[in-house]
């Protein structure tokens, strides 16, 4: 079964701040739908 490994880093963020917890949660919550369309 395919899986997705999502790694959120601070490298590309302004001043190395990284995403806020709410932003990370939105990324994780929004990932399954497109992944299921691509990886049936």
Protein backbone atom coordinates (compact mmCIF):
# COMPACT_ATOMS: atom_id res chain seq x y z
CA UNK A 1 0.00 0.00 0.00
CA UNK A 2 1.43 3.42 -0.90
CA UNK A 3 1.96 6.00 1.80
CA UNK A 4 2.92 9.65 1.94
CA UNK A 5 5.64 10.96 4.23
CA UNK A 6 5.09 14.67 4.84
CA UNK A 7 8.01 16.51 6.43
CA UNK A 8 7.50 20.16 7.33
CA UNK A 9 10.73 22.07 7.90
CA UNK A 10 11.61 25.62 8.82
CA UNK A 11 14.18 26.10 6.06
CA UNK A 12 12.04 27.89 3.48
CA UNK A 13 10.07 29.95 5.97
CA UNK A 14 10.77 33.64 6.46
CA UNK A 15 13.38 34.07 9.20
CA UNK A 16 13.33 30.31 9.83
CA UNK A 17 10.04 30.58 11.70
CA UNK A 18 8.41 27.54 10.10
CA UNK A 19 4.68 27.01 9.74
CA UNK A 20 2.34 27.55 12.63
CA UNK A 21 0.69 24.44 14.15
CA UNK A 22 -2.62 25.41 12.52
CA UNK A 23 -0.93 25.60 9.11
CA UNK A 24 0.69 22.20 9.59
CA UNK A 25 -2.69 20.75 10.60
CA UNK A 26 -4.27 22.15 7.41
CA UNK A 27 -1.53 20.58 5.30
CA UNK A 28 -2.05 17.20 6.93
CA UNK A 29 -5.84 17.41 6.73
CA UNK A 30 -5.80 18.42 3.08
CA UNK A 31 -3.37 15.75 1.89
CA UNK A 32 -5.51 12.58 1.74
CA UNK A 33 -7.92 13.69 -1.00
CA UNK A 34 -5.31 14.50 -3.70
CA UNK A 35 -3.18 11.54 -2.67
CA UNK A 36 -6.14 9.19 -3.09
CA UNK A 37 -6.85 10.59 -6.57
CA UNK A 38 -3.24 10.03 -7.65
CA UNK A 39 -2.50 6.82 -5.73
CA UNK A 40 -5.71 4.75 -5.99
